Amino acid sequence: MEATTESTLAIGEPKSSPDLAESRTALKQSMQDFAEGKYKEPEKADTEGDDVDDPAGSLKSQPDDKGQPVAKSEDKAADAKAKADAKAEEAKTPQQKNAERKGLTWEKINAEKDVLAAEKKAVEDEKRKLESERNEWKKQRESAAPVPRAKDADNLTSDDYERYAKHFQNEGDEDNARLCKERAEKLRVEDRKLEGQHRQQGFERQLRDNITEIREQFQKEFKQDILDANSEAGKGIYNILERAPELKAFPVGVKYAAEVWKLQQAGSKVPELEKTVTAQKAEIETLRKKLSVGGSQASDSRDYGEKDFNSMSSEERRSFLRKKMNQ
């Protein structure tokens, strides 16, 4: 036991060290006291604040690094950059700082404007989408609405009285059966009136929708309002409907009239286009004759005859083209 302890304590220490000898003696005494049951824990000396020189390798001589941050290369680089930025900022003139502040302000304003513009566009798109869906739903609801039926003061329809008339006939009550048939006939007359009104309302609704669609189309394509009596498009469509009144019998007739007017406008440009094409053809033919080898006689003393242009030398080609273009 003693040899092992002594060899362990002697590691890294010179054998002649007096502190080591004292440590060995104290350790032997402590172990003997421990074996005899006389060992007592030594009181710890209050060394806080004392500047004690501990031997090398002692645990007390090692600094307590727990909780102490370790400086890293990234932190050092960040500190150096921050110092460099601070120096660069201090070196700037007031005019430069003011210009930078203005630049940052305008950048912020422009960014906010872009965000507001995008939000406004999104809201407008959503509004158009909702309006389109609402109009479509309204059309479907109106087209699916049943034809209204006429009713009397007792809330009975012509079908009700027809059913009662058959019942009285089966019972042999001809008088009441006749009265029910008369009331049924009167209500059927009212039914036909209501049906006509329903069809007229549907016609007007479809016509209104078609006019709205054509109006938006012409405003985008021709910058004209077809509802303006003084506009070229408005007068043209009206004249077409007057010359072909059968188009007025259908809600889609106004669409056909608008298409006819567009075709007329395209057709009216054909003569001008034909004149332009004819003039361009004549100009092309003139240039072709001037560039043609046999088109005219060269005015210089040299005679190229029927020599092909591709077989001429560079000088001959230049001379030939100059003479042709000057004719």
Protein backbone atom coordinates (compact mmCIF):
# COMPACT_ATOMS: atom_id res chain seq x y z
CA MET A 1 0.00 0.00 0.00
CA GLU A 2 2.73 2.45 1.05
CA ALA A 3 4.92 1.68 -1.97
CA THR A 4 2.07 2.20 -4.35
CA THR A 5 1.06 5.48 -2.77
CA GLU A 6 4.60 6.75 -2.73
CA SER A 7 5.16 5.86 -6.39
CA THR A 8 1.91 7.58 -7.36
CA LEU A 9 2.73 10.76 -5.49
CA ALA A 10 6.25 10.80 -6.89
CA ILE A 11 5.09 11.07 -10.53
CA GLY A 12 6.30 14.29 -12.06
CA GLU A 13 8.09 15.46 -8.90
CA PRO A 14 11.83 15.35 -8.09
CA LYS A 15 12.66 12.81 -5.32
CA SER A 16 14.62 15.39 -3.37
CA SER A 17 11.66 17.80 -3.05
CA PRO A 18 11.09 18.64 0.67
CA ASP A 19 7.39 19.23 0.06
CA LEU A 20 7.09 15.71 -1.30
CA ALA A 21 8.76 14.23 1.82
CA GLU A 22 6.35 16.10 4.07
CA SER A 23 3.40 14.93 1.96
CA ARG A 24 4.53 11.34 2.26
CA THR A 25 4.86 11.58 6.04
CA ALA A 26 1.43 13.23 6.35
CA LEU A 27 -0.13 10.64 4.10
CA LYS A 28 1.38 7.74 6.09
CA GLN A 29 0.11 9.21 9.33
CA SER A 30 -3.35 9.74 7.88
CA MET A 31 -3.55 6.16 6.60
CA GLN A 32 -2.41 4.80 9.96
CA ASP A 33 -4.99 6.91 11.77
CA PHE A 34 -7.62 5.74 9.31
CA ALA A 35 -6.71 2.09 9.97
CA GLU A 36 -6.94 2.63 13.75
CA GLY A 37 -10.18 4.61 13.46
CA LYS A 38 -8.55 7.85 14.63
CA TYR A 39 -8.70 9.69 11.26
CA LYS A 40 -10.32 13.12 11.25
CA GLU A 41 -11.08 15.29 8.27
CA PRO A 42 -8.67 18.25 8.28
CA GLU A 43 -10.22 21.67 8.46
CA LYS A 44 -10.20 23.57 5.15
CA ALA A 45 -8.17 26.72 5.24
CA ASP A 46 -9.92 29.86 3.99
CA THR A 47 -7.66 30.80 1.11
CA GLU A 48 -10.18 32.94 -0.76
CA GLY A 49 -8.48 36.04 -1.93
CA ASP A 50 -5.03 34.78 -0.99
CA ASP A 51 -2.40 34.78 -3.66
CA VAL A 52 -0.93 31.27 -3.19
CA ASP A 53 1.66 29.83 -5.51
CA ASP A 54 0.65 26.22 -6.09
CA PRO A 55 3.04 23.75 -7.63
CA ALA A 56 2.69 22.97 -11.30
CA GLY A 57 0.17 20.24 -12.01
CA SER A 58 -1.91 21.01 -8.89
CA LEU A 59 -5.65 21.19 -9.42
CA LYS A 60 -5.80 24.49 -7.53
CA SER A 61 -3.39 26.04 -9.96
CA GLN A 62 -5.79 25.41 -12.93
CA PRO A 63 -8.16 28.29 -13.69
CA ASP A 64 -11.87 27.56 -13.42
CA ASP A 65 -13.08 28.03 -16.98
CA LYS A 66 -16.66 27.00 -16.25
CA GLY A 67 -19.02 29.70 -17.45
CA GLN A 68 -16.25 31.72 -19.11
CA PRO A 69 -16.82 32.29 -22.88
CA VAL A 70 -14.07 31.21 -25.22
CA ALA A 71 -13.11 33.70 -27.90
CA LYS A 72 -13.57 32.17 -31.37
CA SER A 73 -12.10 33.22 -34.67
CA GLU A 74 -15.59 34.13 -35.96
CA ASP A 75 -16.17 36.46 -33.03
CA LYS A 76 -12.82 38.12 -33.58
CA ALA A 77 -13.57 38.59 -37.27
CA ALA A 78 -16.97 40.06 -36.43
CA ASP A 79 -15.40 42.46 -33.93
CA ALA A 80 -12.81 43.53 -36.49
CA LYS A 81 -15.50 44.12 -39.11
CA ALA A 82 -17.61 46.11 -36.66
CA LYS A 83 -14.64 48.31 -35.81
CA ALA A 84 -13.87 48.80 -39.51
CA ASP A 85 -17.48 49.75 -40.22
CA ALA A 86 -17.48 52.17 -37.32
CA LYS A 87 -14.34 53.84 -38.62
CA ALA A 88 -15.78 54.05 -42.13
CA GLU A 89 -18.96 55.61 -40.73
CA GLU A 90 -16.97 58.18 -38.79
CA ALA A 91 -14.97 59.04 -41.93
CA LYS A 92 -18.13 59.94 -43.89
CA THR A 93 -18.99 63.59 -44.39
CA PRO A 94 -22.37 65.00 -43.26
CA GLN A 95 -23.37 65.31 -46.92
CA GLN A 96 -22.67 61.61 -47.50
CA LYS A 97 -24.61 60.61 -44.40
CA ASN A 98 -27.54 62.80 -45.44
CA ALA A 99 -27.51 61.30 -48.96
CA GLU A 100 -27.49 57.78 -47.51
CA ARG A 101 -30.43 58.60 -45.23
CA LYS A 102 -32.38 59.98 -48.16
CA GLY A 103 -31.54 56.91 -50.22
CA LEU A 104 -32.72 54.59 -47.48
CA THR A 105 -35.90 56.63 -47.07
CA TRP A 106 -36.72 56.46 -50.79
CA GLU A 107 -35.96 52.74 -50.87
CA LYS A 108 -38.38 52.22 -48.00
CA ILE A 109 -41.03 54.38 -49.67
CA ASN A 110 -40.66 52.57 -52.99
CA ALA A 111 -40.81 49.19 -51.29
CA GLU A 112 -43.97 50.21 -49.46
CA LYS A 113 -45.46 51.53 -52.72
CA ASP A 114 -44.78 48.20 -54.42
CA VAL A 115 -46.39 46.33 -51.55
CA LEU A 116 -49.44 48.63 -51.60
CA ALA A 117 -49.74 48.32 -55.38
CA ALA A 118 -49.60 44.53 -55.15
CA GLU A 119 -52.20 44.51 -52.37
CA LYS A 120 -54.44 46.89 -54.33
CA LYS A 121 -54.22 44.72 -57.43
CA ALA A 122 -55.04 41.62 -55.39
CA VAL A 123 -58.07 43.35 -53.89
CA GLU A 124 -59.28 44.53 -57.31
CA ASP A 125 -58.82 41.06 -58.78
CA GLU A 126 -60.76 39.56 -55.90
CA LYS A 127 -63.54 42.12 -56.33
CA ARG A 128 -63.82 41.34 -60.05
CA LYS A 129 -63.86 37.64 -59.30
CA LEU A 130 -66.59 38.03 -56.68
CA GLU A 131 -68.61 40.29 -58.99
CA SER A 132 -68.34 37.78 -61.82
CA GLU A 133 -69.38 34.94 -59.53
CA ARG A 134 -72.29 37.00 -58.19
CA ASN A 135 -73.52 37.82 -61.69
CA GLU A 136 -73.21 34.20 -62.79
CA TRP A 137 -75.10 33.02 -59.71
CA LYS A 138 -77.77 35.63 -60.36
CA LYS A 139 -78.16 34.47 -63.97
CA GLN A 140 -78.46 30.86 -62.94
CA ARG A 141 -80.99 31.70 -60.25
CA GLU A 142 -83.11 33.79 -62.61
CA SER A 143 -82.97 31.24 -65.42
CA ALA A 144 -83.90 28.44 -63.01
CA ALA A 145 -86.78 30.39 -61.46
CA PRO A 146 -90.13 28.72 -62.20
CA VAL A 147 -92.77 30.47 -64.24
CA PRO A 148 -95.15 32.19 -61.82
CA ARG A 149 -98.72 30.86 -61.65
CA ALA A 150 -101.91 32.89 -61.20
CA LYS A 151 -103.92 32.30 -58.03
CA ASP A 152 -107.34 33.48 -56.86
CA ALA A 153 -108.40 34.83 -53.48
CA ASP A 154 -108.49 31.30 -52.08
CA ASN A 155 -104.86 30.73 -53.21
CA LEU A 156 -105.98 28.14 -55.77
CA THR A 157 -104.49 27.69 -59.25
CA SER A 158 -106.06 26.55 -62.51
CA ASP A 159 -104.70 23.05 -61.87
CA ASP A 160 -106.49 22.97 -58.52
CA TYR A 161 -109.83 23.87 -60.13
CA GLU A 162 -109.32 21.31 -62.90
CA ARG A 163 -108.81 18.66 -60.23
CA TYR A 164 -111.94 19.77 -58.35
CA ALA A 165 -113.97 19.76 -61.59
CA LYS A 166 -113.07 16.12 -62.21
CA HIS A 167 -113.99 15.28 -58.63
CA PHE A 168 -117.44 16.88 -58.95
CA GLN A 169 -118.03 15.17 -62.28
CA ASN A 170 -117.28 11.81 -60.70
CA GLU A 171 -119.76 12.68 -57.95
CA GLY A 172 -122.41 13.70 -60.48
CA ASP A 173 -122.38 17.36 -59.39
CA GLU A 174 -122.40 19.05 -62.80
CA ASP A 175 -123.06 22.58 -61.50
CA ASN A 176 -119.98 22.74 -59.30
CA ALA A 177 -117.96 20.99 -61.97
CA ARG A 178 -118.94 23.71 -64.46
CA LEU A 179 -118.07 26.49 -62.00
CA CYS A 180 -114.62 24.93 -61.34
CA LYS A 181 -113.91 24.71 -65.07
CA GLU A 182 -114.85 28.37 -65.57
CA ARG A 183 -112.53 29.47 -62.78
CA ALA A 184 -109.76 27.25 -64.15
CA GLU A 185 -110.10 28.91 -67.58
CA LYS A 186 -109.91 32.41 -66.12
CA LEU A 187 -106.79 31.48 -64.20
CA ARG A 188 -105.19 29.98 -67.32
CA VAL A 189 -105.64 33.33 -69.08
CA GLU A 190 -103.76 34.96 -66.22
CA ASP A 191 -101.13 32.23 -66.44
CA ARG A 192 -100.45 33.07 -70.08
CA LYS A 193 -100.03 36.74 -69.21
CA LEU A 194 -97.59 35.93 -66.43
CA GLU A 195 -95.68 33.57 -68.70
CA GLY A 196 -95.35 36.31 -71.33
CA GLN A 197 -94.09 38.74 -68.73
CA HIS A 198 -91.61 36.14 -67.51
CA ARG A 199 -90.26 35.57 -71.02
CA GLN A 200 -90.03 39.32 -71.64
CA GLN A 201 -88.06 39.80 -68.43
CA GLY A 202 -85.70 36.99 -69.42
CA PHE A 203 -85.27 38.51 -72.88
CA GLU A 204 -84.45 41.92 -71.44
CA ARG A 205 -82.05 40.40 -68.93
CA GLN A 206 -80.13 38.48 -71.60
CA LEU A 207 -80.10 41.51 -73.90
CA ARG A 208 -78.74 43.68 -71.09
CA ASP A 209 -76.01 41.16 -70.33
CA ASN A 210 -75.02 40.94 -74.02
CA ILE A 211 -74.89 44.73 -74.37
CA THR A 212 -72.68 44.97 -71.26
CA GLU A 213 -70.31 42.33 -72.66
CA ILE A 214 -70.08 44.00 -76.10
CA ARG A 215 -69.64 47.43 -74.54
CA GLU A 216 -66.63 46.29 -72.49
CA GLN A 217 -65.14 44.56 -75.53
CA PHE A 218 -65.45 47.62 -77.80
CA GLN A 219 -64.08 49.96 -75.15
CA LYS A 220 -60.93 47.83 -74.88
CA GLU A 221 -60.53 47.09 -78.60
CA PHE A 222 -61.77 50.28 -80.30
CA LYS A 223 -61.86 52.79 -77.42
CA GLN A 224 -65.52 53.49 -78.25
CA ASP A 225 -68.75 53.26 -76.29
CA ILE A 226 -71.53 51.56 -78.26
CA LEU A 227 -74.12 53.31 -76.07
CA ASP A 228 -72.84 56.69 -77.26
CA ALA A 229 -75.10 57.72 -80.16
CA ASN A 230 -72.30 59.88 -81.60
CA SER A 231 -69.67 57.13 -81.63
CA GLU A 232 -68.83 55.39 -84.90
CA ALA A 233 -69.40 51.97 -83.36
CA GLY A 234 -72.73 52.94 -81.80
CA LYS A 235 -74.11 54.39 -85.03
CA GLY A 236 -72.81 51.44 -87.06
CA ILE A 237 -74.41 48.76 -84.87
CA TYR A 238 -77.69 50.70 -84.72
CA ASN A 239 -77.81 50.96 -88.55
CA ILE A 240 -77.19 47.23 -88.91
CA LEU A 241 -80.05 46.43 -86.52
CA GLU A 242 -82.31 48.77 -88.47
CA ARG A 243 -81.42 47.12 -91.80
CA ALA A 244 -81.87 43.62 -90.34
CA PRO A 245 -84.75 43.97 -87.82
CA GLU A 246 -85.00 40.18 -87.43
CA LEU A 247 -81.90 40.42 -85.26
CA LYS A 248 -83.95 42.34 -82.70
CA ALA A 249 -86.11 39.28 -82.09
CA PHE A 250 -83.27 37.53 -80.25
CA PRO A 251 -81.16 38.70 -77.29
CA VAL A 252 -78.03 37.54 -79.13
CA GLY A 253 -78.91 39.64 -82.17
CA VAL A 254 -76.92 42.61 -80.90
CA LYS A 255 -73.84 40.40 -80.79
CA TYR A 256 -74.31 39.45 -84.42
CA ALA A 257 -74.70 43.14 -85.34
CA ALA A 258 -71.47 43.97 -83.50
CA GLU A 259 -69.60 41.22 -85.37
CA VAL A 260 -70.95 42.48 -88.71
CA TRP A 261 -69.72 46.00 -87.92
CA LYS A 262 -66.24 44.67 -87.07
CA LEU A 263 -66.14 42.79 -90.39
CA GLN A 264 -67.18 45.95 -92.23
CA GLN A 265 -64.38 47.87 -90.58
CA ALA A 266 -61.85 45.24 -91.58
CA GLY A 267 -63.25 45.15 -95.15
CA SER A 268 -63.05 48.92 -95.52
CA LYS A 269 -59.29 48.72 -95.09
CA VAL A 270 -58.87 46.18 -97.90
CA PRO A 271 -58.77 48.73 -100.79
CA GLU A 272 -56.13 50.78 -98.99
CA LEU A 273 -54.12 47.66 -98.34
CA GLU A 274 -54.45 46.63 -101.97
CA LYS A 275 -53.18 50.04 -103.11
CA THR A 276 -50.23 49.76 -100.75
CA VAL A 277 -49.41 46.25 -101.96
CA THR A 278 -49.64 47.35 -105.61
CA ALA A 279 -47.28 50.28 -105.02
CA GLN A 280 -44.83 48.06 -103.18
CA LYS A 281 -44.92 45.50 -105.99
CA ALA A 282 -44.17 48.22 -108.56
CA GLU A 283 -41.27 49.50 -106.49
CA ILE A 284 -39.89 45.99 -106.10
CA GLU A 285 -40.18 45.39 -109.86
CA THR A 286 -38.30 48.62 -110.59
CA LEU A 287 -35.48 47.65 -108.27
CA ARG A 288 -35.39 44.15 -109.71
CA LYS A 289 -34.99 45.54 -113.25
CA LYS A 290 -32.21 47.83 -112.13
CA LEU A 291 -30.35 44.95 -110.56
CA SER A 292 -31.03 42.61 -113.46
CA VAL A 293 -28.00 41.87 -115.71
CA GLY A 294 -29.95 42.24 -118.94
CA GLY A 295 -32.29 44.93 -117.73
CA SER A 296 -30.52 47.91 -119.33
CA GLN A 297 -27.36 48.79 -121.19
CA ALA A 298 -24.42 49.81 -119.07
CA SER A 299 -23.28 53.36 -119.75
CA ASP A 300 -19.55 52.73 -119.33
CA SER A 301 -17.20 51.76 -122.14
CA ARG A 302 -16.88 48.22 -120.93
CA ASP A 303 -19.33 45.75 -122.36
CA TYR A 304 -20.29 42.93 -120.03
CA GLY A 305 -22.75 41.44 -122.54
CA GLU A 306 -24.78 38.59 -121.14
CA LYS A 307 -22.18 37.77 -118.54
CA ASP A 308 -23.71 36.32 -115.40
CA PHE A 309 -23.49 38.47 -112.30
CA ASN A 310 -22.08 35.61 -110.24
CA SER A 311 -19.24 35.14 -112.73
CA MET A 312 -18.15 38.81 -112.53
CA SER A 313 -15.20 39.93 -110.52
CA SER A 314 -15.63 42.16 -107.47
CA GLU A 315 -14.68 45.27 -109.43
CA GLU A 316 -17.07 44.38 -112.23
CA ARG A 317 -19.91 43.81 -109.79
CA ARG A 318 -19.37 47.17 -108.06
CA SER A 319 -19.21 49.01 -111.38
CA PHE A 320 -22.25 47.19 -112.67
CA LEU A 321 -24.37 47.94 -109.58
CA ARG A 322 -23.34 51.64 -109.52
CA LYS A 323 -24.44 52.07 -113.14
CA LYS A 324 -27.73 50.27 -112.56
CA MET A 325 -28.63 52.32 -109.47
CA ASN A 326 -27.85 55.61 -111.27
CA GLN A 327 -30.14 54.88 -114.20
